[in-house]
């Protein structure tokens, strides 16, 4: 449901702004990139990349999966 997804993402952004730690599992790569301070990218049930969003989203593996996220 796109409307509910947007509402949830906005709520999580507000919670994040308050400094509360939030763990989110998502396929919304642009959202993850924009609000995260640490990202774990899993592939085939294994952590394949881990670190700051800039580094993780710059990796070739994540770029292939995400199709070149530019958020």
PDB file of N, CA and C in Angstrom:
ATOM      1  N   UNK A   1       0.843  -1.184   0.000  1.00  0.00           N
ATOM      2  CA  UNK A   1       0.000   0.000   0.000  1.00  0.00           C
ATOM      3  C   UNK A   1       0.888   1.247   0.000  1.00  0.00           C
ATOM      4  N   UNK A   2       0.977   1.939  -1.114  1.00  0.00           N
ATOM      5  CA  UNK A   2       1.871   3.104  -1.220  1.00  0.00           C
ATOM      6  C   UNK A   2       1.561   4.220  -0.225  1.00  0.00           C
ATOM      7  N   UNK A   3       0.303   4.461   0.079  1.00  0.00           N
ATOM      8  CA  UNK A   3      -0.044   5.529   1.029  1.00  0.00           C
ATOM      9  C   UNK A   3       0.466   5.182   2.413  1.00  0.00           C
ATOM     10  N   UNK A   4       0.210   3.970   2.855  1.00  0.00           N
ATOM     11  CA  UNK A   4       0.685   3.538   4.183  1.00  0.00           C
ATOM     12  C   UNK A   4       2.207   3.504   4.236  1.00  0.00           C
ATOM     13  N   UNK A   5       2.834   3.093   3.151  1.00  0.00           N
ATOM     14  CA  UNK A   5       4.302   3.062   3.112  1.00  0.00           C
ATOM     15  C   UNK A   5       4.864   4.464   3.292  1.00  0.00           C
ATOM     16  N   UNK A   6       4.279   5.427   2.614  1.00  0.00           N
ATOM     17  CA  UNK A   6       4.744   6.807   2.740  1.00  0.00           C
ATOM     18  C   UNK A   6       4.539   7.316   4.162  1.00  0.00           C
ATOM     19  N   UNK A   7       3.382   7.036   4.743  1.00  0.00           N
ATOM     20  CA  UNK A   7       3.118   7.449   6.132  1.00  0.00           C
ATOM     21  C   UNK A   7       4.143   6.845   7.079  1.00  0.00           C
ATOM     22  N   UNK A   8       4.444   5.578   6.887  1.00  0.00           N
ATOM     23  CA  UNK A   8       5.421   4.910   7.745  1.00  0.00           C
ATOM     24  C   UNK A   8       6.809   5.512   7.563  1.00  0.00           C
ATOM     25  N   UNK A   9       7.210   5.781   6.341  1.00  0.00           N
ATOM     26  CA  UNK A   9       8.523   6.363   6.105  1.00  0.00           C
ATOM     27  C   UNK A   9       8.634   7.743   6.741  1.00  0.00           C
ATOM     28  N   UNK A  10       7.582   8.548   6.651  1.00  0.00           N
ATOM     29  CA  UNK A  10       7.597   9.873   7.285  1.00  0.00           C
ATOM     30  C   UNK A  10       7.692   9.764   8.799  1.00  0.00           C
ATOM     31  N   UNK A  11       6.972   8.821   9.378  1.00  0.00           N
ATOM     32  CA  UNK A  11       7.038   8.595  10.821  1.00  0.00           C
ATOM     33  C   UNK A  11       8.442   8.160  11.239  1.00  0.00           C
ATOM     34  N   UNK A  12       9.041   7.247  10.491  1.00  0.00           N
ATOM     35  CA  UNK A  12      10.392   6.789  10.816  1.00  0.00           C
ATOM     36  C   UNK A  12      11.405   7.916  10.690  1.00  0.00           C
ATOM     37  N   UNK A  13      11.224   8.802   9.715  1.00  0.00           N
ATOM     38  CA  UNK A  13      12.119   9.953   9.586  1.00  0.00           C
ATOM     39  C   UNK A  13      12.018  10.848  10.820  1.00  0.00           C
ATOM     40  N   UNK A  14      10.806  11.080  11.319  1.00  0.00           N
ATOM     41  CA  UNK A  14      10.625  11.907  12.515  1.00  0.00           C
ATOM     42  C   UNK A  14      11.261  11.257  13.733  1.00  0.00           C
ATOM     43  N   UNK A  15      11.085   9.955  13.874  1.00  0.00           N
ATOM     44  CA  UNK A  15      11.699   9.225  14.989  1.00  0.00           C
ATOM     45  C   UNK A  15      13.218   9.323  14.897  1.00  0.00           C
ATOM     46  N   UNK A  16      13.746   9.194  13.698  1.00  0.00           N
ATOM     47  CA  UNK A  16      15.186   9.291  13.468  1.00  0.00           C
ATOM     48  C   UNK A  16      15.705  10.673  13.853  1.00  0.00           C
ATOM     49  N   UNK A  17      14.960  11.718  13.517  1.00  0.00           N
ATOM     50  CA  UNK A  17      15.362  13.087  13.852  1.00  0.00           C
ATOM     51  C   UNK A  17      15.449  13.296  15.357  1.00  0.00           C
ATOM     52  N   UNK A  18      14.688  12.540  16.129  1.00  0.00           N
ATOM     53  CA  UNK A  18      14.719  12.636  17.590  1.00  0.00           C
ATOM     54  C   UNK A  18      15.938  11.939  18.184  1.00  0.00           C
ATOM     55  N   UNK A  19      16.673  11.219  17.350  1.00  0.00           N
ATOM     56  CA  UNK A  19      17.870  10.529  17.817  1.00  0.00           C
ATOM     57  C   UNK A  19      17.618   9.127  18.325  1.00  0.00           C
ATOM     58  N   UNK A  20      16.429   8.631  18.092  1.00  0.00           N
ATOM     59  CA  UNK A  20      16.084   7.278  18.527  1.00  0.00           C
ATOM     60  C   UNK A  20      16.647   6.264  17.544  1.00  0.00           C
ATOM     61  N   UNK A  21      17.238   5.209  18.060  1.00  0.00           N
ATOM     62  CA  UNK A  21      17.751   4.148  17.206  1.00  0.00           C
ATOM     63  C   UNK A  21      16.592   3.334  16.665  1.00  0.00           C
ATOM     64  N   UNK A  22      16.606   3.125  15.347  1.00  0.00           N
ATOM     65  CA  UNK A  22      15.555   2.370  14.680  1.00  0.00           C
ATOM     66  C   UNK A  22      16.212   1.364  13.741  1.00  0.00           C
ATOM     67  N   UNK A  23      15.741   0.145  13.796  1.00  0.00           N
ATOM     68  CA  UNK A  23      16.197  -0.891  12.876  1.00  0.00           C
ATOM     69  C   UNK A  23      15.085  -1.109  11.861  1.00  0.00           C
ATOM     70  N   UNK A  24      15.416  -0.938  10.584  1.00  0.00           N
ATOM     71  CA  UNK A  24      14.426  -1.073   9.523  1.00  0.00           C
ATOM     72  C   UNK A  24      14.928  -2.076   8.499  1.00  0.00           C
ATOM     73  N   UNK A  25      14.058  -2.970   8.114  1.00  0.00           N
ATOM     74  CA  UNK A  25      14.349  -3.905   7.032  1.00  0.00           C
ATOM     75  C   UNK A  25      13.470  -3.468   5.866  1.00  0.00           C
ATOM     76  N   UNK A  26      14.098  -3.106   4.745  1.00  0.00           N
ATOM     77  CA  UNK A  26      13.336  -2.540   3.637  1.00  0.00           C
ATOM     78  C   UNK A  26      13.966  -2.845   2.290  1.00  0.00           C
ATOM     79  N   UNK A  27      13.131  -2.788   1.267  1.00  0.00           N
ATOM     80  CA  UNK A  27      13.610  -2.827  -0.112  1.00  0.00           C
ATOM     81  C   UNK A  27      13.628  -1.412  -0.690  1.00  0.00           C
ATOM     82  N   UNK A  28      13.188  -0.438   0.088  1.00  0.00           N
ATOM     83  CA  UNK A  28      13.159   0.966  -0.331  1.00  0.00           C
ATOM     84  C   UNK A  28      14.563   1.547  -0.163  1.00  0.00           C
ATOM     85  N   UNK A  29      15.404   1.342  -1.158  1.00  0.00           N
ATOM     86  CA  UNK A  29      16.813   1.683  -1.053  1.00  0.00           C
ATOM     87  C   UNK A  29      17.048   3.190  -0.922  1.00  0.00           C
ATOM     88  N   UNK A  30      16.294   4.000  -1.640  1.00  0.00           N
ATOM     89  CA  UNK A  30      16.448   5.449  -1.536  1.00  0.00           C
ATOM     90  C   UNK A  30      16.138   5.947  -0.138  1.00  0.00           C
ATOM     91  N   UNK A  31      15.088   5.399   0.458  1.00  0.00           N
ATOM     92  CA  UNK A  31      14.727   5.753   1.828  1.00  0.00           C
ATOM     93  C   UNK A  31      15.842   5.346   2.786  1.00  0.00           C
ATOM     94  N   UNK A  32      16.313   4.130   2.643  1.00  0.00           N
ATOM     95  CA  UNK A  32      17.380   3.647   3.522  1.00  0.00           C
ATOM     96  C   UNK A  32      18.619   4.529   3.411  1.00  0.00           C
ATOM     97  N   UNK A  33      18.951   4.911   2.202  1.00  0.00           N
ATOM     98  CA  UNK A  33      20.130   5.747   1.992  1.00  0.00           C
ATOM     99  C   UNK A  33      19.961   7.120   2.615  1.00  0.00           C
ATOM    100  N   UNK A  34      18.758   7.669   2.542  1.00  0.00           N
ATOM    101  CA  UNK A  34      18.551   9.041   3.007  1.00  0.00           C
ATOM    102  C   UNK A  34      18.466   9.179   4.523  1.00  0.00           C
ATOM    103  N   UNK A  35      18.055   8.136   5.244  1.00  0.00           N
ATOM    104  CA  UNK A  35      17.863   8.283   6.693  1.00  0.00           C
ATOM    105  C   UNK A  35      18.842   7.483   7.547  1.00  0.00           C
ATOM    106  N   UNK A  36      19.647   6.663   6.933  1.00  0.00           N
ATOM    107  CA  UNK A  36      20.516   5.773   7.717  1.00  0.00           C
ATOM    108  C   UNK A  36      21.852   6.406   8.054  1.00  0.00           C
ATOM    109  N   UNK A  37      22.402   5.974   9.193  1.00  0.00           N
ATOM    110  CA  UNK A  37      23.788   6.315   9.489  1.00  0.00           C
ATOM    111  C   UNK A  37      24.657   5.061   9.432  1.00  0.00           C
ATOM    112  N   UNK A  38      24.008   3.915   9.299  1.00  0.00           N
ATOM    113  CA  UNK A  38      24.702   2.631   9.122  1.00  0.00           C
ATOM    114  C   UNK A  38      23.777   1.713   8.332  1.00  0.00           C
ATOM    115  N   UNK A  39      24.345   1.008   7.359  1.00  0.00           N
ATOM    116  CA  UNK A  39      23.553   0.141   6.482  1.00  0.00           C
ATOM    117  C   UNK A  39      24.192  -1.239   6.427  1.00  0.00           C
ATOM    118  N   UNK A  40      23.343  -2.246   6.481  1.00  0.00           N
ATOM    119  CA  UNK A  40      23.777  -3.616   6.218  1.00  0.00           C
ATOM    120  C   UNK A  40      23.009  -4.079   4.985  1.00  0.00           C
ATOM    121  N   UNK A  41      23.717  -4.542   3.988  1.00  0.00           N
ATOM    122  CA  UNK A  41      23.101  -5.053   2.772  1.00  0.00           C
ATOM    123  C   UNK A  41      23.259  -6.563   2.781  1.00  0.00           C
ATOM    124  N   UNK A  42      22.133  -7.256   2.702  1.00  0.00           N
ATOM    125  CA  UNK A  42      22.165  -8.720   2.732  1.00  0.00           C
ATOM    126  C   UNK A  42      21.880  -9.278   1.351  1.00  0.00           C
ATOM    127  N   UNK A  43      22.578 -10.356   1.049  1.00  0.00           N
ATOM    128  CA  UNK A  43      22.400 -11.054  -0.221  1.00  0.00           C
ATOM    129  C   UNK A  43      22.456 -12.546   0.057  1.00  0.00           C
ATOM    130  N   UNK A  44      21.430 -13.254  -0.351  1.00  0.00           N
ATOM    131  CA  UNK A  44      21.350 -14.698  -0.118  1.00  0.00           C
ATOM    132  C   UNK A  44      21.476 -15.050   1.369  1.00  0.00           C
ATOM    133  N   UNK A  45      20.879 -14.209   2.229  1.00  0.00           N
ATOM    134  CA  UNK A  45      20.859 -14.487   3.657  1.00  0.00           C
ATOM    135  C   UNK A  45      22.144 -14.190   4.402  1.00  0.00           C
ATOM    136  N   UNK A  46      23.086 -13.505   3.745  1.00  0.00           N
ATOM    137  CA  UNK A  46      24.385 -13.204   4.347  1.00  0.00           C
ATOM    138  C   UNK A  46      24.649 -11.708   4.221  1.00  0.00           C
ATOM    139  N   UNK A  47      25.241 -11.101   5.264  1.00  0.00           N
ATOM    140  CA  UNK A  47      25.615  -9.694   5.176  1.00  0.00           C
ATOM    141  C   UNK A  47      26.735  -9.577   4.144  1.00  0.00           C
ATOM    142  N   UNK A  48      26.436  -8.867   3.045  1.00  0.00           N
ATOM    143  CA  UNK A  48      27.386  -8.737   1.949  1.00  0.00           C
ATOM    144  C   UNK A  48      28.153  -7.419   2.006  1.00  0.00           C
ATOM    145  N   UNK A  49      27.529  -6.374   2.517  1.00  0.00           N
ATOM    146  CA  UNK A  49      28.147  -5.052   2.655  1.00  0.00           C
ATOM    147  C   UNK A  49      27.674  -4.456   3.969  1.00  0.00           C
ATOM    148  N   UNK A  50      28.547  -3.683   4.612  1.00  0.00           N
ATOM    149  CA  UNK A  50      28.189  -3.061   5.889  1.00  0.00           C
ATOM    150  C   UNK A  50      29.000  -1.791   6.060  1.00  0.00           C
ATOM    151  N   UNK A  51      28.337  -0.723   6.532  1.00  0.00           N
ATOM    152  CA  UNK A  51      29.066   0.508   6.800  1.00  0.00           C
ATOM    153  C   UNK A  51      28.209   1.734   6.629  1.00  0.00           C
ATOM    154  N   UNK A  52      28.864   2.866   6.405  1.00  0.00           N
ATOM    155  CA  UNK A  52      28.177   4.132   6.187  1.00  0.00           C
ATOM    156  C   UNK A  52      27.394   4.049   4.878  1.00  0.00           C
ATOM    157  N   UNK A  53      26.233   4.705   4.808  1.00  0.00           N
ATOM    158  CA  UNK A  53      25.415   4.632   3.594  1.00  0.00           C
ATOM    159  C   UNK A  53      26.181   5.000   2.322  1.00  0.00           C
ATOM    160  N   UNK A  54      27.022   6.046   2.401  1.00  0.00           N
ATOM    161  CA  UNK A  54      27.769   6.479   1.216  1.00  0.00           C
ATOM    162  C   UNK A  54      28.644   5.357   0.667  1.00  0.00           C
ATOM    163  N   UNK A  55      29.298   4.636   1.555  1.00  0.00           N
ATOM    164  CA  UNK A  55      30.186   3.553   1.130  1.00  0.00           C
ATOM    165  C   UNK A  55      29.401   2.349   0.622  1.00  0.00           C
ATOM    166  N   UNK A  56      28.379   1.970   1.354  1.00  0.00           N
ATOM    167  CA  UNK A  56      27.599   0.784   0.971  1.00  0.00           C
ATOM    168  C   UNK A  56      26.895   1.009  -0.360  1.00  0.00           C
ATOM    169  N   UNK A  57      26.250   2.167  -0.521  1.00  0.00           N
ATOM    170  CA  UNK A  57      25.514   2.418  -1.754  1.00  0.00           C
ATOM    171  C   UNK A  57      26.426   2.703  -2.941  1.00  0.00           C
ATOM    172  N   UNK A  58      27.702   2.974  -2.688  1.00  0.00           N
ATOM    173  CA  UNK A  58      28.661   3.166  -3.772  1.00  0.00           C
ATOM    174  C   UNK A  58      29.225   1.834  -4.278  1.00  0.00           C
ATOM    175  N   UNK A  59      29.026   0.756  -3.516  1.00  0.00           N
ATOM    176  CA  UNK A  59      29.593  -0.537  -3.913  1.00  0.00           C
ATOM    177  C   UNK A  59      28.904  -1.065  -5.168  1.00  0.00           C
ATOM    178  N   UNK A  60      29.672  -1.728  -5.975  1.00  0.00           N
ATOM    179  CA  UNK A  60      29.157  -2.278  -7.235  1.00  0.00           C
ATOM    180  C   UNK A  60      28.020  -3.268  -6.989  1.00  0.00           C
ATOM    181  N   UNK A  61      28.139  -4.081  -5.969  1.00  0.00           N
ATOM    182  CA  UNK A  61      27.122  -5.092  -5.651  1.00  0.00           C
ATOM    183  C   UNK A  61      25.775  -4.435  -5.343  1.00  0.00           C
ATOM    184  N   UNK A  62      25.793  -3.397  -4.508  1.00  0.00           N
ATOM    185  CA  UNK A  62      24.560  -2.716  -4.132  1.00  0.00           C
ATOM    186  C   UNK A  62      24.017  -1.920  -5.315  1.00  0.00           C
ATOM    187  N   UNK A  63      24.886  -1.301  -6.085  1.00  0.00           N
ATOM    188  CA  UNK A  63      24.448  -0.570  -7.275  1.00  0.00           C
ATOM    189  C   UNK A  63      23.711  -1.492  -8.247  1.00  0.00           C
ATOM    190  N   UNK A  64      24.229  -2.690  -8.435  1.00  0.00           N
ATOM    191  CA  UNK A  64      23.563  -3.669  -9.319  1.00  0.00           C
ATOM    192  C   UNK A  64      22.174  -3.998  -8.790  1.00  0.00           C
ATOM    193  N   UNK A  65      22.078  -4.241  -7.488  1.00  0.00           N
ATOM    194  CA  UNK A  65      20.794  -4.590  -6.881  1.00  0.00           C
ATOM    195  C   UNK A  65      19.809  -3.431  -6.967  1.00  0.00           C
ATOM    196  N   UNK A  66      20.290  -2.221  -6.614  1.00  0.00           N
ATOM    197  CA  UNK A  66      19.404  -1.060  -6.501  1.00  0.00           C
ATOM    198  C   UNK A  66      19.160  -0.367  -7.827  1.00  0.00           C
ATOM    199  N   UNK A  67      19.916  -0.698  -8.833  1.00  0.00           N
ATOM    200  CA  UNK A  67      19.738  -0.047 -10.115  1.00  0.00           C
ATOM    201  C   UNK A  67      20.208   1.402 -10.118  1.00  0.00           C
ATOM    202  N   UNK A  68      21.237   1.703  -9.328  1.00  0.00           N
ATOM    203  CA  UNK A  68      21.809   3.047  -9.326  1.00  0.00           C
ATOM    204  C   UNK A  68      21.037   4.054  -8.512  1.00  0.00           C
ATOM    205  N   UNK A  69      20.769   3.760  -7.250  1.00  0.00           N
ATOM    206  CA  UNK A  69      20.037   4.667  -6.358  1.00  0.00           C
ATOM    207  C   UNK A  69      20.745   6.008  -6.321  1.00  0.00           C
ATOM    208  N   UNK A  70      19.981   7.086  -6.452  1.00  0.00           N
ATOM    209  CA  UNK A  70      20.595   8.423  -6.440  1.00  0.00           C
ATOM    210  C   UNK A  70      19.988   9.335  -5.394  1.00  0.00           C
ATOM    211  N   UNK A  71      19.391   8.780  -4.356  1.00  0.00           N
ATOM    212  CA  UNK A  71      18.740   9.605  -3.322  1.00  0.00           C
ATOM    213  C   UNK A  71      19.754  10.385  -2.521  1.00  0.00           C
TER     214      UNK A  71
END
